[in-house]
């Protein structure tokens, strides 16, 4: 019987058996460093869990699982450059520890190595299908990142636009990983589509939950500073819902705080009070639950025994109920 820790061990073993080249060290050392920053390797794990719904020889899917992990880390590396972020999971980002040029080039080569692993997955037809899915998702992730950057300078962002942005930037990669795992195992097109939608919708619920935790999470459990989104004036689901539904006075007050410096005294507390007055935590919870319910409906529709879905179902349930 497979379980998540055993699959993560297989991913780690595959990575150890397929390291980056030793030289040039200046190119590949940052890639190795990026992969040691403590990510949960959720996306490759989901890919293998989708594969295990239909087949047991999970080694066949390891190259594509690792390709997805390399792609994800490539996006994080370049995102950090675009955001001028000094830290990633509490440690210096690649462009901070080395320099921006190194960060760009090391990210580029990480993406190319992702394609190299994809190309070893199996038959030409399988590889062609996987590359098609991979390319579609990769393009959408880039589109989501551009929308996110656009929102920084826009004052008229709508809630539907925000949902579309997080769908592209975060959710489609979760769905794509599940779809690719199912394709590796030879699942039919209907089951592959249900798994893609399961991941996509769960990914939206995940990001909505993340927005809530950033403002209301327990600092001891959340693992980063609570209220960071407020301090950085980010247009999260909470902010946009408030601007859509609150009284004129509360909208004006929120807009005021959204244009103050990060370290403005009392900022986090004042914005949280506006959210509380407008029942935003409850509205967030209801919206997250709506996406979550729809997501699990797609998992239910996948035509394999329920016993084979148990680990995947539990993994995503725990992801969506997390407090960190």
C-alpha atoms as a PDB file:
ATOM      1  CA  UNK A   1       0.000   0.000   0.000  1.00  0.00           C
ATOM      2  CA  UNK A   2       1.481   3.349  -0.998  1.00  0.00           C
ATOM      3  CA  UNK A   3       1.571   6.343   1.318  1.00  0.00           C
ATOM      4  CA  UNK A   4       2.736   9.915   1.009  1.00  0.00           C
ATOM      5  CA  UNK A   5       6.033   9.571   2.943  1.00  0.00           C
ATOM      6  CA  UNK A   6       7.092   6.611   0.809  1.00  0.00           C
ATOM      7  CA  UNK A   7       6.362   8.542  -2.384  1.00  0.00           C
ATOM      8  CA  UNK A   8       8.319  11.536  -1.109  1.00  0.00           C
ATOM      9  CA  UNK A   9      11.214   9.172  -0.367  1.00  0.00           C
ATOM     10  CA  UNK A  10      11.097   7.931  -3.965  1.00  0.00           C
ATOM     11  CA  UNK A  11      11.146  11.484  -5.274  1.00  0.00           C
ATOM     12  CA  UNK A  12      14.167  12.262  -3.082  1.00  0.00           C
ATOM     13  CA  UNK A  13      15.938   9.120  -4.257  1.00  0.00           C
ATOM     14  CA  UNK A  14      15.298   9.965  -7.909  1.00  0.00           C
ATOM     15  CA  UNK A  15      16.656  13.476  -7.352  1.00  0.00           C
ATOM     16  CA  UNK A  16      19.789  12.089  -5.696  1.00  0.00           C
ATOM     17  CA  UNK A  17      20.319   9.667  -8.586  1.00  0.00           C
ATOM     18  CA  UNK A  18      19.870  12.442 -11.167  1.00  0.00           C
ATOM     19  CA  UNK A  19      21.852  15.446  -9.919  1.00  0.00           C
ATOM     20  CA  UNK A  20      22.746  18.534 -11.865  1.00  0.00           C
ATOM     21  CA  UNK A  21      26.187  18.481 -13.524  1.00  0.00           C
ATOM     22  CA  UNK A  22      29.148  19.517 -11.393  1.00  0.00           C
ATOM     23  CA  UNK A  23      30.316  22.236 -13.761  1.00  0.00           C
ATOM     24  CA  UNK A  24      30.085  25.081 -14.260  1.00  0.00           C
ATOM     25  CA  UNK A  25      29.697  25.302 -10.523  1.00  0.00           C
ATOM     26  CA  UNK A  26      28.528  28.932 -10.688  1.00  0.00           C
ATOM     27  CA  UNK A  27      25.532  27.824 -12.781  1.00  0.00           C
ATOM     28  CA  UNK A  28      24.456  24.672 -10.951  1.00  0.00           C
ATOM     29  CA  UNK A  29      25.254  25.401  -7.312  1.00  0.00           C
ATOM     30  CA  UNK A  30      22.361  27.913  -7.114  1.00  0.00           C
ATOM     31  CA  UNK A  31      20.034  25.253  -8.570  1.00  0.00           C
ATOM     32  CA  UNK A  32      21.037  22.788  -5.865  1.00  0.00           C
ATOM     33  CA  UNK A  33      20.662  25.513  -3.237  1.00  0.00           C
ATOM     34  CA  UNK A  34      17.158  26.379  -4.445  1.00  0.00           C
ATOM     35  CA  UNK A  35      16.095  22.763  -4.054  1.00  0.00           C
ATOM     36  CA  UNK A  36      17.276  22.663  -0.425  1.00  0.00           C
ATOM     37  CA  UNK A  37      15.134  25.545   0.829  1.00  0.00           C
ATOM     38  CA  UNK A  38      12.517  23.332   2.420  1.00  0.00           C
ATOM     39  CA  UNK A  39       9.639  22.941  -0.033  1.00  0.00           C
ATOM     40  CA  UNK A  40       7.116  20.186   0.649  1.00  0.00           C
ATOM     41  CA  UNK A  41       7.375  18.750  -2.895  1.00  0.00           C
ATOM     42  CA  UNK A  42       3.596  18.733  -3.000  1.00  0.00           C
ATOM     43  CA  UNK A  43       3.278  18.912  -6.795  1.00  0.00           C
ATOM     44  CA  UNK A  44       5.408  15.876  -7.655  1.00  0.00           C
ATOM     45  CA  UNK A  45       3.734  13.993  -4.812  1.00  0.00           C
ATOM     46  CA  UNK A  46       0.292  14.774  -6.253  1.00  0.00           C
ATOM     47  CA  UNK A  47       1.490  13.595  -9.658  1.00  0.00           C
ATOM     48  CA  UNK A  48       2.568  10.248  -8.204  1.00  0.00           C
ATOM     49  CA  UNK A  49      -0.651   9.941  -6.200  1.00  0.00           C
ATOM     50  CA  UNK A  50      -2.632  10.436  -9.414  1.00  0.00           C
ATOM     51  CA  UNK A  51      -0.498   7.803 -11.124  1.00  0.00           C
ATOM     52  CA  UNK A  52      -1.133   5.369  -8.264  1.00  0.00           C
ATOM     53  CA  UNK A  53      -4.875   5.635  -8.782  1.00  0.00           C
ATOM     54  CA  UNK A  54      -4.448   3.611 -11.985  1.00  0.00           C
ATOM     55  CA  UNK A  55      -1.120   1.761 -11.784  1.00  0.00           C
ATOM     56  CA  UNK A  56       1.449   0.610  -9.235  1.00  0.00           C
ATOM     57  CA  UNK A  57       4.804   0.860 -11.055  1.00  0.00           C
ATOM     58  CA  UNK A  58       5.378   4.402  -9.829  1.00  0.00           C
ATOM     59  CA  UNK A  59       9.009   4.492 -11.002  1.00  0.00           C
ATOM     60  CA  UNK A  60       7.729   5.136 -14.520  1.00  0.00           C
ATOM     61  CA  UNK A  61       6.329   8.510 -13.443  1.00  0.00           C
ATOM     62  CA  UNK A  62       9.330   9.714 -11.422  1.00  0.00           C
ATOM     63  CA  UNK A  63      10.992  11.648 -14.285  1.00  0.00           C
ATOM     64  CA  UNK A  64       7.869  13.683 -14.984  1.00  0.00           C
ATOM     65  CA  UNK A  65       7.290  14.229 -11.243  1.00  0.00           C
ATOM     66  CA  UNK A  66      10.792  15.634 -10.923  1.00  0.00           C
ATOM     67  CA  UNK A  67      10.274  17.770 -14.025  1.00  0.00           C
ATOM     68  CA  UNK A  68       7.258  19.373 -12.331  1.00  0.00           C
ATOM     69  CA  UNK A  69       9.298  20.056  -9.184  1.00  0.00           C
ATOM     70  CA  UNK A  70      12.098  21.641 -11.207  1.00  0.00           C
ATOM     71  CA  UNK A  71       9.603  23.828 -13.049  1.00  0.00           C
ATOM     72  CA  UNK A  72       7.992  24.936  -9.781  1.00  0.00           C
ATOM     73  CA  UNK A  73      11.355  25.909  -8.310  1.00  0.00           C
ATOM     74  CA  UNK A  74      12.304  27.713 -11.510  1.00  0.00           C
ATOM     75  CA  UNK A  75       9.182  29.879 -11.126  1.00  0.00           C
ATOM     76  CA  UNK A  76       9.986  30.594  -7.473  1.00  0.00           C
ATOM     77  CA  UNK A  77      13.554  31.576  -8.326  1.00  0.00           C
ATOM     78  CA  UNK A  78      12.427  34.049 -10.975  1.00  0.00           C
ATOM     79  CA  UNK A  79       9.491  35.277  -8.867  1.00  0.00           C
ATOM     80  CA  UNK A  80      11.943  36.195  -6.111  1.00  0.00           C
ATOM     81  CA  UNK A  81      13.900  38.316  -8.592  1.00  0.00           C
ATOM     82  CA  UNK A  82      10.760  40.063  -9.841  1.00  0.00           C
ATOM     83  CA  UNK A  83       9.572  40.690  -6.269  1.00  0.00           C
ATOM     84  CA  UNK A  84      13.058  41.766  -5.084  1.00  0.00           C
ATOM     85  CA  UNK A  85      12.517  39.295  -2.233  1.00  0.00           C
ATOM     86  CA  UNK A  86      15.506  38.955   0.110  1.00  0.00           C
ATOM     87  CA  UNK A  87      14.350  35.711   1.745  1.00  0.00           C
ATOM     88  CA  UNK A  88      12.757  32.441   0.690  1.00  0.00           C
ATOM     89  CA  UNK A  89      11.602  30.249   3.592  1.00  0.00           C
ATOM     90  CA  UNK A  90      13.811  32.198   5.951  1.00  0.00           C
ATOM     91  CA  UNK A  91      17.002  31.887   3.912  1.00  0.00           C
ATOM     92  CA  UNK A  92      18.600  34.240   1.372  1.00  0.00           C
ATOM     93  CA  UNK A  93      17.116  34.032  -2.101  1.00  0.00           C
ATOM     94  CA  UNK A  94      19.394  32.996  -4.967  1.00  0.00           C
ATOM     95  CA  UNK A  95      19.734  36.494  -6.389  1.00  0.00           C
ATOM     96  CA  UNK A  96      20.567  37.798  -2.896  1.00  0.00           C
ATOM     97  CA  UNK A  97      23.167  35.148  -2.116  1.00  0.00           C
ATOM     98  CA  UNK A  98      24.708  35.333  -5.599  1.00  0.00           C
ATOM     99  CA  UNK A  99      23.378  38.032  -7.956  1.00  0.00           C
ATOM    100  CA  UNK A 100      20.494  38.710 -10.313  1.00  0.00           C
ATOM    101  CA  UNK A 101      22.326  37.489 -13.415  1.00  0.00           C
ATOM    102  CA  UNK A 102      23.059  34.173 -11.728  1.00  0.00           C
ATOM    103  CA  UNK A 103      19.455  33.874 -10.613  1.00  0.00           C
ATOM    104  CA  UNK A 104      18.149  34.372 -14.145  1.00  0.00           C
ATOM    105  CA  UNK A 105      20.557  31.934 -15.771  1.00  0.00           C
ATOM    106  CA  UNK A 106      20.268  29.243 -13.097  1.00  0.00           C
ATOM    107  CA  UNK A 107      16.485  29.455 -13.310  1.00  0.00           C
ATOM    108  CA  UNK A 108      16.674  29.106 -17.080  1.00  0.00           C
ATOM    109  CA  UNK A 109      18.813  25.988 -16.932  1.00  0.00           C
ATOM    110  CA  UNK A 110      16.554  24.472 -14.271  1.00  0.00           C
ATOM    111  CA  UNK A 111      13.626  24.813 -16.664  1.00  0.00           C
ATOM    112  CA  UNK A 112      15.612  23.202 -19.491  1.00  0.00           C
ATOM    113  CA  UNK A 113      16.521  20.274 -17.249  1.00  0.00           C
ATOM    114  CA  UNK A 114      12.822  19.851 -16.493  1.00  0.00           C
ATOM    115  CA  UNK A 115      12.249  19.194 -20.192  1.00  0.00           C
ATOM    116  CA  UNK A 116      15.191  16.807 -20.215  1.00  0.00           C
ATOM    117  CA  UNK A 117      13.514  14.682 -17.554  1.00  0.00           C
ATOM    118  CA  UNK A 118      10.172  14.836 -19.337  1.00  0.00           C
ATOM    119  CA  UNK A 119      11.788  13.455 -22.494  1.00  0.00           C
ATOM    120  CA  UNK A 120      12.856  10.272 -20.695  1.00  0.00           C
ATOM    121  CA  UNK A 121       9.377   9.338 -19.490  1.00  0.00           C
ATOM    122  CA  UNK A 122       8.368   6.766 -22.107  1.00  0.00           C
ATOM    123  CA  UNK A 123       7.074   6.384 -25.633  1.00  0.00           C
ATOM    124  CA  UNK A 124       7.152   9.290 -28.096  1.00  0.00           C
ATOM    125  CA  UNK A 125       3.360   9.570 -27.928  1.00  0.00           C
ATOM    126  CA  UNK A 126       3.407   9.755 -24.133  1.00  0.00           C
ATOM    127  CA  UNK A 127       6.200  12.327 -24.103  1.00  0.00           C
ATOM    128  CA  UNK A 128       4.373  14.425 -26.692  1.00  0.00           C
ATOM    129  CA  UNK A 129       1.201  14.442 -24.577  1.00  0.00           C
ATOM    130  CA  UNK A 130       3.120  15.293 -21.414  1.00  0.00           C
ATOM    131  CA  UNK A 131       4.963  18.147 -23.111  1.00  0.00           C
ATOM    132  CA  UNK A 132       1.643  19.481 -24.431  1.00  0.00           C
ATOM    133  CA  UNK A 133       0.144  19.520 -20.918  1.00  0.00           C
ATOM    134  CA  UNK A 134       3.358  20.886 -19.417  1.00  0.00           C
ATOM    135  CA  UNK A 135       3.556  23.711 -21.961  1.00  0.00           C
ATOM    136  CA  UNK A 136      -0.081  24.678 -21.473  1.00  0.00           C
ATOM    137  CA  UNK A 137       0.358  24.886 -17.716  1.00  0.00           C
ATOM    138  CA  UNK A 138       3.702  26.694 -17.950  1.00  0.00           C
ATOM    139  CA  UNK A 139       2.232  29.374 -20.197  1.00  0.00           C
ATOM    140  CA  UNK A 140      -0.711  29.845 -17.831  1.00  0.00           C
ATOM    141  CA  UNK A 141       1.585  30.169 -14.803  1.00  0.00           C
ATOM    142  CA  UNK A 142       3.498  32.937 -16.606  1.00  0.00           C
ATOM    143  CA  UNK A 143       0.216  34.652 -17.471  1.00  0.00           C
ATOM    144  CA  UNK A 144      -0.835  34.480 -13.830  1.00  0.00           C
ATOM    145  CA  UNK A 145       2.433  36.025 -12.713  1.00  0.00           C
ATOM    146  CA  UNK A 146       1.970  38.890 -15.175  1.00  0.00           C
ATOM    147  CA  UNK A 147      -1.562  39.538 -13.923  1.00  0.00           C
ATOM    148  CA  UNK A 148      -0.236  39.550 -10.355  1.00  0.00           C
ATOM    149  CA  UNK A 149       2.378  42.156 -11.278  1.00  0.00           C
ATOM    150  CA  UNK A 150      -0.243  44.202 -13.136  1.00  0.00           C
ATOM    151  CA  UNK A 151      -2.427  44.271 -10.025  1.00  0.00           C
ATOM    152  CA  UNK A 152       0.317  46.010  -8.035  1.00  0.00           C
ATOM    153  CA  UNK A 153      -0.262  49.255  -9.927  1.00  0.00           C
ATOM    154  CA  UNK A 154      -4.010  48.930 -10.549  1.00  0.00           C
ATOM    155  CA  UNK A 155      -6.636  50.343  -8.207  1.00  0.00           C
ATOM    156  CA  UNK A 156      -9.638  48.774  -9.963  1.00  0.00           C
ATOM    157  CA  UNK A 157      -8.920  45.043  -9.586  1.00  0.00           C
ATOM    158  CA  UNK A 158     -12.120  43.000  -9.431  1.00  0.00           C
ATOM    159  CA  UNK A 159     -12.631  39.867  -7.363  1.00  0.00           C
ATOM    160  CA  UNK A 160     -13.229  37.732 -10.463  1.00  0.00           C
ATOM    161  CA  UNK A 161      -9.904  38.935 -11.889  1.00  0.00           C
ATOM    162  CA  UNK A 162      -8.151  37.975  -8.669  1.00  0.00           C
ATOM    163  CA  UNK A 163      -9.643  34.467  -8.756  1.00  0.00           C
ATOM    164  CA  UNK A 164      -8.476  34.095 -12.347  1.00  0.00           C
ATOM    165  CA  UNK A 165      -4.986  35.243 -11.354  1.00  0.00           C
ATOM    166  CA  UNK A 166      -4.602  32.722  -8.532  1.00  0.00           C
ATOM    167  CA  UNK A 167      -6.083  30.032 -10.767  1.00  0.00           C
ATOM    168  CA  UNK A 168      -3.324  30.639 -13.297  1.00  0.00           C
ATOM    169  CA  UNK A 169      -0.445  31.400 -10.949  1.00  0.00           C
ATOM    170  CA  UNK A 170      -1.082  28.617  -8.410  1.00  0.00           C
ATOM    171  CA  UNK A 171      -3.961  26.288  -9.176  1.00  0.00           C
ATOM    172  CA  UNK A 172      -3.333  25.130 -12.743  1.00  0.00           C
ATOM    173  CA  UNK A 173       0.027  23.597 -11.779  1.00  0.00           C
ATOM    174  CA  UNK A 174      -1.656  21.461  -9.125  1.00  0.00           C
ATOM    175  CA  UNK A 175      -4.257  20.369 -11.674  1.00  0.00           C
ATOM    176  CA  UNK A 176      -1.633  19.824 -14.339  1.00  0.00           C
ATOM    177  CA  UNK A 177       0.458  17.630 -12.041  1.00  0.00           C
ATOM    178  CA  UNK A 178      -2.537  15.385 -11.376  1.00  0.00           C
ATOM    179  CA  UNK A 179      -3.418  15.298 -15.079  1.00  0.00           C
ATOM    180  CA  UNK A 180       0.127  14.364 -16.056  1.00  0.00           C
ATOM    181  CA  UNK A 181       0.282  11.608 -13.451  1.00  0.00           C
ATOM    182  CA  UNK A 182      -2.939  10.134 -14.773  1.00  0.00           C
ATOM    183  CA  UNK A 183      -1.678  10.361 -18.365  1.00  0.00           C
ATOM    184  CA  UNK A 184       1.511   8.506 -17.416  1.00  0.00           C
ATOM    185  CA  UNK A 185      -0.645   5.697 -16.023  1.00  0.00           C
ATOM    186  CA  UNK A 186      -2.807   5.467 -19.157  1.00  0.00           C
ATOM    187  CA  UNK A 187      -6.004   6.870 -17.634  1.00  0.00           C
ATOM    188  CA  UNK A 188      -8.814   7.764 -19.998  1.00  0.00           C
ATOM    189  CA  UNK A 189      -9.496  11.366 -20.974  1.00  0.00           C
ATOM    190  CA  UNK A 190     -12.549  11.728 -18.712  1.00  0.00           C
ATOM    191  CA  UNK A 191     -10.642  10.694 -15.595  1.00  0.00           C
ATOM    192  CA  UNK A 192      -7.700  12.905 -16.551  1.00  0.00           C
ATOM    193  CA  UNK A 193     -10.035  15.887 -16.893  1.00  0.00           C
ATOM    194  CA  UNK A 194     -11.701  15.191 -13.536  1.00  0.00           C
ATOM    195  CA  UNK A 195      -8.299  15.046 -11.853  1.00  0.00           C
ATOM    196  CA  UNK A 196      -7.208  18.282 -13.504  1.00  0.00           C
ATOM    197  CA  UNK A 197     -10.371  20.032 -12.294  1.00  0.00           C
ATOM    198  CA  UNK A 198      -9.921  18.516  -8.837  1.00  0.00           C
ATOM    199  CA  UNK A 199      -6.444  20.023  -8.583  1.00  0.00           C
ATOM    200  CA  UNK A 200      -7.414  23.343 -10.136  1.00  0.00           C
ATOM    201  CA  UNK A 201     -10.358  23.928  -7.815  1.00  0.00           C
ATOM    202  CA  UNK A 202      -8.470  22.683  -4.754  1.00  0.00           C
ATOM    203  CA  UNK A 203      -5.656  25.057  -5.688  1.00  0.00           C
ATOM    204  CA  UNK A 204      -8.024  28.033  -5.699  1.00  0.00           C
ATOM    205  CA  UNK A 205      -9.388  26.954  -2.307  1.00  0.00           C
ATOM    206  CA  UNK A 206      -5.800  26.596  -1.065  1.00  0.00           C
ATOM    207  CA  UNK A 207      -4.888  30.159  -2.046  1.00  0.00           C
ATOM    208  CA  UNK A 208      -8.077  31.608  -0.550  1.00  0.00           C
ATOM    209  CA  UNK A 209      -7.231  29.784   2.679  1.00  0.00           C
ATOM    210  CA  UNK A 210      -3.682  31.156   2.479  1.00  0.00           C
ATOM    211  CA  UNK A 211      -5.057  34.699   2.241  1.00  0.00           C
ATOM    212  CA  UNK A 212      -7.076  34.075   5.402  1.00  0.00           C
ATOM    213  CA  UNK A 213      -4.152  32.557   7.297  1.00  0.00           C
ATOM    214  CA  UNK A 214      -1.913  35.488   6.431  1.00  0.00           C
ATOM    215  CA  UNK A 215      -4.242  37.785   8.355  1.00  0.00           C
ATOM    216  CA  UNK A 216      -5.771  35.500  10.992  1.00  0.00           C
ATOM    217  CA  UNK A 217      -3.322  32.604  11.383  1.00  0.00           C
ATOM    218  CA  UNK A 218      -1.577  31.637  14.594  1.00  0.00           C
ATOM    219  CA  UNK A 219       1.984  33.030  14.252  1.00  0.00           C
ATOM    220  CA  UNK A 220       3.387  29.968  16.023  1.00  0.00           C
ATOM    221  CA  UNK A 221       1.774  27.667  13.448  1.00  0.00           C
ATOM    222  CA  UNK A 222       1.749  29.839  10.321  1.00  0.00           C
ATOM    223  CA  UNK A 223       5.530  29.977  10.114  1.00  0.00           C
ATOM    224  CA  UNK A 224       5.772  33.578   8.931  1.00  0.00           C
ATOM    225  CA  UNK A 225       4.686  37.005  10.049  1.00  0.00           C
ATOM    226  CA  UNK A 226       0.908  37.286  10.261  1.00  0.00           C
ATOM    227  CA  UNK A 227      -0.392  40.390   8.516  1.00  0.00           C
ATOM    228  CA  UNK A 228       2.316  40.468   5.882  1.00  0.00           C
ATOM    229  CA  UNK A 229      -0.184  40.885   3.041  1.00  0.00           C
ATOM    230  CA  UNK A 230      -1.739  43.878   4.794  1.00  0.00           C
ATOM    231  CA  UNK A 231       1.628  45.511   5.408  1.00  0.00           C
ATOM    232  CA  UNK A 232       2.573  45.043   1.741  1.00  0.00           C
ATOM    233  CA  UNK A 233      -0.778  46.454   0.540  1.00  0.00           C
ATOM    234  CA  UNK A 234      -1.574  43.267  -1.371  1.00  0.00           C
ATOM    235  CA  UNK A 235      -4.949  43.036  -3.074  1.00  0.00           C
ATOM    236  CA  UNK A 236      -6.009  39.712  -1.556  1.00  0.00           C
ATOM    237  CA  UNK A 237      -9.432  38.071  -1.597  1.00  0.00           C
ATOM    238  CA  UNK A 238     -10.144  39.675   1.780  1.00  0.00           C
ATOM    239  CA  UNK A 239      -9.350  43.181   0.549  1.00  0.00           C
ATOM    240  CA  UNK A 240     -11.252  42.862  -2.714  1.00  0.00           C
ATOM    241  CA  UNK A 241     -14.320  41.349  -1.039  1.00  0.00           C
ATOM    242  CA  UNK A 242     -14.364  44.193   1.457  1.00  0.00           C
ATOM    243  CA  UNK A 243     -14.131  46.776  -1.308  1.00  0.00           C
ATOM    244  CA  UNK A 244     -16.997  45.013  -3.073  1.00  0.00           C
ATOM    245  CA  UNK A 245     -19.397  44.654  -0.131  1.00  0.00           C
ATOM    246  CA  UNK A 246     -18.534  47.063   2.704  1.00  0.00           C
ATOM    247  CA  UNK A 247     -20.048  50.421   3.552  1.00  0.00           C
ATOM    248  CA  UNK A 248     -18.639  53.556   1.962  1.00  0.00           C
ATOM    249  CA  UNK A 249     -16.946  54.493   5.227  1.00  0.00           C
ATOM    250  CA  UNK A 250     -15.194  51.143   5.534  1.00  0.00           C
ATOM    251  CA  UNK A 251     -14.179  51.162   1.877  1.00  0.00           C
ATOM    252  CA  UNK A 252     -12.647  54.602   2.288  1.00  0.00           C
ATOM    253  CA  UNK A 253     -10.882  53.542   5.480  1.00  0.00           C
ATOM    254  CA  UNK A 254      -9.475  50.425   3.804  1.00  0.00           C
ATOM    255  CA  UNK A 255      -8.299  52.431   0.804  1.00  0.00           C
ATOM    256  CA  UNK A 256      -6.555  54.807   3.186  1.00  0.00           C
ATOM    257  CA  UNK A 257      -4.671  52.001   4.923  1.00  0.00           C
ATOM    258  CA  UNK A 258      -3.819  50.404   1.560  1.00  0.00           C
ATOM    259  CA  UNK A 259      -1.850  53.543   0.681  1.00  0.00           C
ATOM    260  CA  UNK A 260       0.191  53.795   3.879  1.00  0.00           C
ATOM    261  CA  UNK A 261       3.760  52.528   4.419  1.00  0.00           C
ATOM    262  CA  UNK A 262       4.386  48.945   5.477  1.00  0.00           C
ATOM    263  CA  UNK A 263       5.458  49.921   8.997  1.00  0.00           C
ATOM    264  CA  UNK A 264       2.594  52.343   9.651  1.00  0.00           C
ATOM    265  CA  UNK A 265       1.658  51.927  13.366  1.00  0.00           C
ATOM    266  CA  UNK A 266      -1.654  50.139  13.915  1.00  0.00           C
ATOM    267  CA  UNK A 267      -2.094  49.238  10.245  1.00  0.00           C
ATOM    268  CA  UNK A 268      -2.633  45.481  10.608  1.00  0.00           C
ATOM    269  CA  UNK A 269      -5.000  45.865  13.547  1.00  0.00           C
ATOM    270  CA  UNK A 270      -7.064  48.553  11.802  1.00  0.00           C
ATOM    271  CA  UNK A 271      -7.460  46.578   8.578  1.00  0.00           C
ATOM    272  CA  UNK A 272      -8.307  43.420  10.489  1.00  0.00           C
ATOM    273  CA  UNK A 273     -11.001  45.337  12.359  1.00  0.00           C
ATOM    274  CA  UNK A 274     -12.515  46.447   9.030  1.00  0.00           C
ATOM    275  CA  UNK A 275     -12.547  42.823   7.891  1.00  0.00           C
ATOM    276  CA  UNK A 276     -14.200  41.757  11.151  1.00  0.00           C
ATOM    277  CA  UNK A 277     -16.939  44.384  10.894  1.00  0.00           C
ATOM    278  CA  UNK A 278     -17.833  43.104   7.437  1.00  0.00           C
ATOM    279  CA  UNK A 279     -17.774  39.372   8.311  1.00  0.00           C
ATOM    280  CA  UNK A 280     -14.943  38.799   5.859  1.00  0.00           C
ATOM    281  CA  UNK A 281     -13.504  35.728   7.664  1.00  0.00           C
ATOM    282  CA  UNK A 282     -16.884  34.012   7.416  1.00  0.00           C
ATOM    283  CA  UNK A 283     -17.231  34.947   3.743  1.00  0.00           C
ATOM    284  CA  UNK A 284     -13.731  33.632   3.040  1.00  0.00           C
ATOM    285  CA  UNK A 285     -14.582  30.360   4.728  1.00  0.00           C
ATOM    286  CA  UNK A 286     -17.755  29.956   2.706  1.00  0.00           C
ATOM    287  CA  UNK A 287     -15.963  30.724  -0.574  1.00  0.00           C
ATOM    288  CA  UNK A 288     -13.154  28.316   0.193  1.00  0.00           C
ATOM    289  CA  UNK A 289     -15.689  25.618   1.075  1.00  0.00           C
ATOM    290  CA  UNK A 290     -17.522  26.159  -2.203  1.00  0.00           C
ATOM    291  CA  UNK A 291     -14.400  25.517  -4.251  1.00  0.00           C
ATOM    292  CA  UNK A 292     -13.397  22.624  -2.018  1.00  0.00           C
ATOM    293  CA  UNK A 293     -16.773  20.903  -2.377  1.00  0.00           C
ATOM    294  CA  UNK A 294     -16.697  21.257  -6.153  1.00  0.00           C
ATOM    295  CA  UNK A 295     -13.139  19.928  -6.222  1.00  0.00           C
ATOM    296  CA  UNK A 296     -13.956  16.763  -4.302  1.00  0.00           C
ATOM    297  CA  UNK A 297     -16.953  16.191  -6.549  1.00  0.00           C
ATOM    298  CA  UNK A 298     -14.497  15.776  -9.419  1.00  0.00           C
ATOM    299  CA  UNK A 299     -12.396  13.326  -7.400  1.00  0.00           C
ATOM    300  CA  UNK A 300     -15.540  11.372  -6.620  1.00  0.00           C
ATOM    301  CA  UNK A 301     -16.249  11.082 -10.344  1.00  0.00           C
ATOM    302  CA  UNK A 302     -12.905   9.417 -11.136  1.00  0.00           C
ATOM    303  CA  UNK A 303     -13.663   5.824 -12.084  1.00  0.00           C
ATOM    304  CA  UNK A 304     -11.382   3.908  -9.726  1.00  0.00           C
ATOM    305  CA  UNK A 305     -12.203   2.188  -6.417  1.00  0.00           C
ATOM    306  CA  UNK A 306     -12.559   4.540  -3.461  1.00  0.00           C
ATOM    307  CA  UNK A 307      -9.821   2.672  -1.615  1.00  0.00           C
ATOM    308  CA  UNK A 308      -7.316   3.786  -4.258  1.00  0.00           C
ATOM    309  CA  UNK A 309      -8.339   7.414  -3.761  1.00  0.00           C
ATOM    310  CA  UNK A 310      -7.869   7.388   0.012  1.00  0.00           C
ATOM    311  CA  UNK A 311      -4.316   8.744   0.224  1.00  0.00           C
ATOM    312  CA  UNK A 312      -4.876  11.428  -2.419  1.00  0.00           C
ATOM    313  CA  UNK A 313      -8.106  12.496  -0.761  1.00  0.00           C
ATOM    314  CA  UNK A 314      -6.513  12.675   2.692  1.00  0.00           C
ATOM    315  CA  UNK A 315      -3.484  14.581   1.394  1.00  0.00           C
ATOM    316  CA  UNK A 316      -5.596  17.317  -0.200  1.00  0.00           C
ATOM    317  CA  UNK A 317      -7.993  17.473   2.763  1.00  0.00           C
ATOM    318  CA  UNK A 318      -5.056  18.071   5.098  1.00  0.00           C
ATOM    319  CA  UNK A 319      -3.654  20.675   2.730  1.00  0.00           C
ATOM    320  CA  UNK A 320      -6.925  22.598   2.756  1.00  0.00           C
ATOM    321  CA  UNK A 321      -7.412  22.376   6.511  1.00  0.00           C
ATOM    322  CA  UNK A 322      -3.871  23.410   7.390  1.00  0.00           C
ATOM    323  CA  UNK A 323      -3.042  26.126   9.910  1.00  0.00           C
ATOM    324  CA  UNK A 324       0.387  26.896   8.442  1.00  0.00           C
END
